[in-house]
Amino acid sequence: MGVFSVTCFSSVWAYIWMFIVLRDQNVSMVEAWLTLFFFFLLIGTAWAADKYKENQVAQEKANTGISEDNKPVIEYSAVDIYRELINEKNGMAPKNTEEENKRHKMKAFLKDSMNTD
């Protein structure tokens, strides 16, 4: 959407600039060089908008624990998940907030990867 917005704005500006330049029906060297500069400005701005969005998506994936191949990433083994969630099912409360966060991560992994609770 960012690149689209940049090109949309640039298209509108191009018509305004064309009106300004051709108002006197003569294109000066300054106007010609500015027109060329605006083209490279468009390319650079569109590229920057694309890279910004790419970084946003990569950061969001990193924060949500999704890898590049769109598979959930978990740092615990299947045995760890099984033991921890069996302990929860048997009524054992988490000992601290770290253990509680660990259980939430495990549940989120199971929900995302296997569509199960």
Protein backbone atom coordinates (compact mmCIF):
# COMPACT_ATOMS: atom_id res chain seq x y z
CA MET A 1 0.00 0.00 0.00
CA GLY A 2 2.93 2.33 0.67
CA VAL A 3 4.33 2.05 -2.86
CA PHE A 4 0.85 2.54 -4.27
CA SER A 5 0.44 5.71 -2.19
CA VAL A 6 3.80 7.04 -3.37
CA THR A 7 2.99 6.43 -7.03
CA CYS A 8 -0.50 7.88 -6.60
CA PHE A 9 0.87 11.08 -5.07
CA SER A 10 3.59 11.23 -7.73
CA SER A 11 1.04 10.86 -10.52
CA VAL A 12 -1.00 13.76 -9.20
CA TRP A 13 2.17 15.81 -8.73
CA ALA A 14 3.26 14.98 -12.31
CA TYR A 15 0.10 16.58 -13.73
CA ILE A 16 0.50 19.63 -11.49
CA TRP A 17 4.17 19.91 -12.48
CA MET A 18 3.31 19.56 -16.18
CA PHE A 19 0.80 22.41 -15.81
CA ILE A 20 3.43 24.57 -14.07
CA VAL A 21 6.12 23.82 -16.67
CA LEU A 22 3.93 24.23 -19.74
CA ARG A 23 2.09 27.28 -18.51
CA ASP A 24 4.41 29.56 -20.51
CA GLN A 25 4.75 26.99 -23.35
CA ASN A 26 8.51 26.88 -22.86
CA VAL A 27 10.58 24.29 -20.93
CA SER A 28 13.70 25.77 -19.39
CA MET A 29 16.79 23.75 -18.48
CA VAL A 30 16.01 24.11 -14.78
CA GLU A 31 12.53 22.70 -15.30
CA ALA A 32 13.92 19.83 -17.36
CA TRP A 33 16.52 18.92 -14.72
CA LEU A 34 13.91 19.18 -11.97
CA THR A 35 11.64 16.84 -13.92
CA LEU A 36 14.48 14.31 -14.19
CA PHE A 37 15.19 14.74 -10.46
CA PHE A 38 11.53 14.10 -9.64
CA PHE A 39 11.69 10.80 -11.54
CA PHE A 40 14.61 9.56 -9.44
CA LEU A 41 12.91 10.90 -6.32
CA LEU A 42 9.86 8.79 -7.21
CA ILE A 43 11.99 5.67 -7.70
CA GLY A 44 13.86 6.22 -4.42
CA THR A 45 10.73 6.97 -2.41
CA ALA A 46 8.89 3.94 -3.79
CA TRP A 47 11.89 1.74 -3.01
CA ALA A 48 12.10 3.15 0.54
CA ALA A 49 8.38 2.55 1.11
CA ASP A 50 8.76 -1.04 -0.07
CA LYS A 51 11.76 -1.67 2.21
CA TYR A 52 9.94 -0.06 5.15
CA LYS A 53 6.97 -2.40 4.68
CA GLU A 54 9.29 -5.39 4.26
CA ASN A 55 11.00 -4.55 7.57
CA GLN A 56 7.63 -4.12 9.28
CA VAL A 57 6.46 -7.55 8.09
CA ALA A 58 9.74 -9.19 9.14
CA GLN A 59 9.55 -7.59 12.58
CA GLU A 60 5.91 -8.65 12.99
CA LYS A 61 6.79 -12.22 12.04
CA ALA A 62 9.67 -12.20 14.52
CA ASN A 63 7.41 -10.91 17.29
CA THR A 64 4.67 -13.46 16.63
CA GLY A 65 7.05 -16.42 16.28
CA ILE A 66 6.32 -17.17 12.63
CA SER A 67 9.29 -18.31 10.52
CA GLU A 68 9.99 -17.44 6.88
CA ASP A 69 8.14 -20.53 5.62
CA ASN A 70 5.07 -19.49 7.68
CA LYS A 71 5.40 -22.36 10.13
CA PRO A 72 5.23 -21.59 13.84
CA VAL A 73 8.56 -21.68 15.65
CA ILE A 74 8.79 -23.13 19.15
CA GLU A 75 11.82 -23.48 21.35
CA TYR A 76 10.48 -26.44 23.36
CA SER A 77 10.56 -30.11 22.49
CA ALA A 78 7.43 -32.25 22.21
CA VAL A 79 8.32 -33.97 25.50
CA ASP A 80 8.60 -30.61 27.31
CA ILE A 81 5.21 -29.53 25.96
CA TYR A 82 3.62 -32.82 26.93
CA ARG A 83 5.01 -32.73 30.50
CA GLU A 84 4.12 -29.12 31.09
CA LEU A 85 0.58 -29.37 29.78
CA ILE A 86 -0.05 -32.66 31.59
CA ASN A 87 1.02 -30.94 34.81
CA GLU A 88 -1.48 -28.17 34.06
CA LYS A 89 -4.22 -30.68 33.31
CA ASN A 90 -3.52 -32.44 36.62
CA GLY A 91 -4.11 -29.17 38.44
CA MET A 92 -0.51 -28.14 39.14
CA ALA A 93 -0.34 -24.36 39.12
CA PRO A 94 2.65 -22.64 37.53
CA LYS A 95 5.39 -21.84 40.04
CA ASN A 96 6.14 -18.37 38.67
CA THR A 97 5.28 -16.03 35.83
CA GLU A 98 8.06 -17.46 33.67
CA GLU A 99 6.47 -20.91 33.83
CA GLU A 100 3.06 -19.39 33.12
CA ASN A 101 4.44 -17.59 30.04
CA LYS A 102 6.05 -20.86 28.95
CA ARG A 103 2.67 -22.61 29.13
CA HIS A 104 1.02 -19.83 27.12
CA LYS A 105 3.71 -20.11 24.42
CA MET A 106 3.22 -23.87 24.27
CA LYS A 107 -0.55 -23.50 23.97
CA ALA A 108 -0.19 -20.86 21.25
CA PHE A 109 2.18 -23.14 19.35
CA LEU A 110 -0.28 -26.04 19.53
CA LYS A 111 -3.14 -23.78 18.48
CA ASP A 112 -1.26 -22.35 15.49
CA SER A 113 0.45 -25.50 14.27
CA MET A 114 -2.18 -28.16 14.95
CA ASN A 115 -5.39 -26.13 15.34
CA THR A 116 -6.03 -27.68 18.72
CA ASP A 117 -6.19 -26.68 22.36
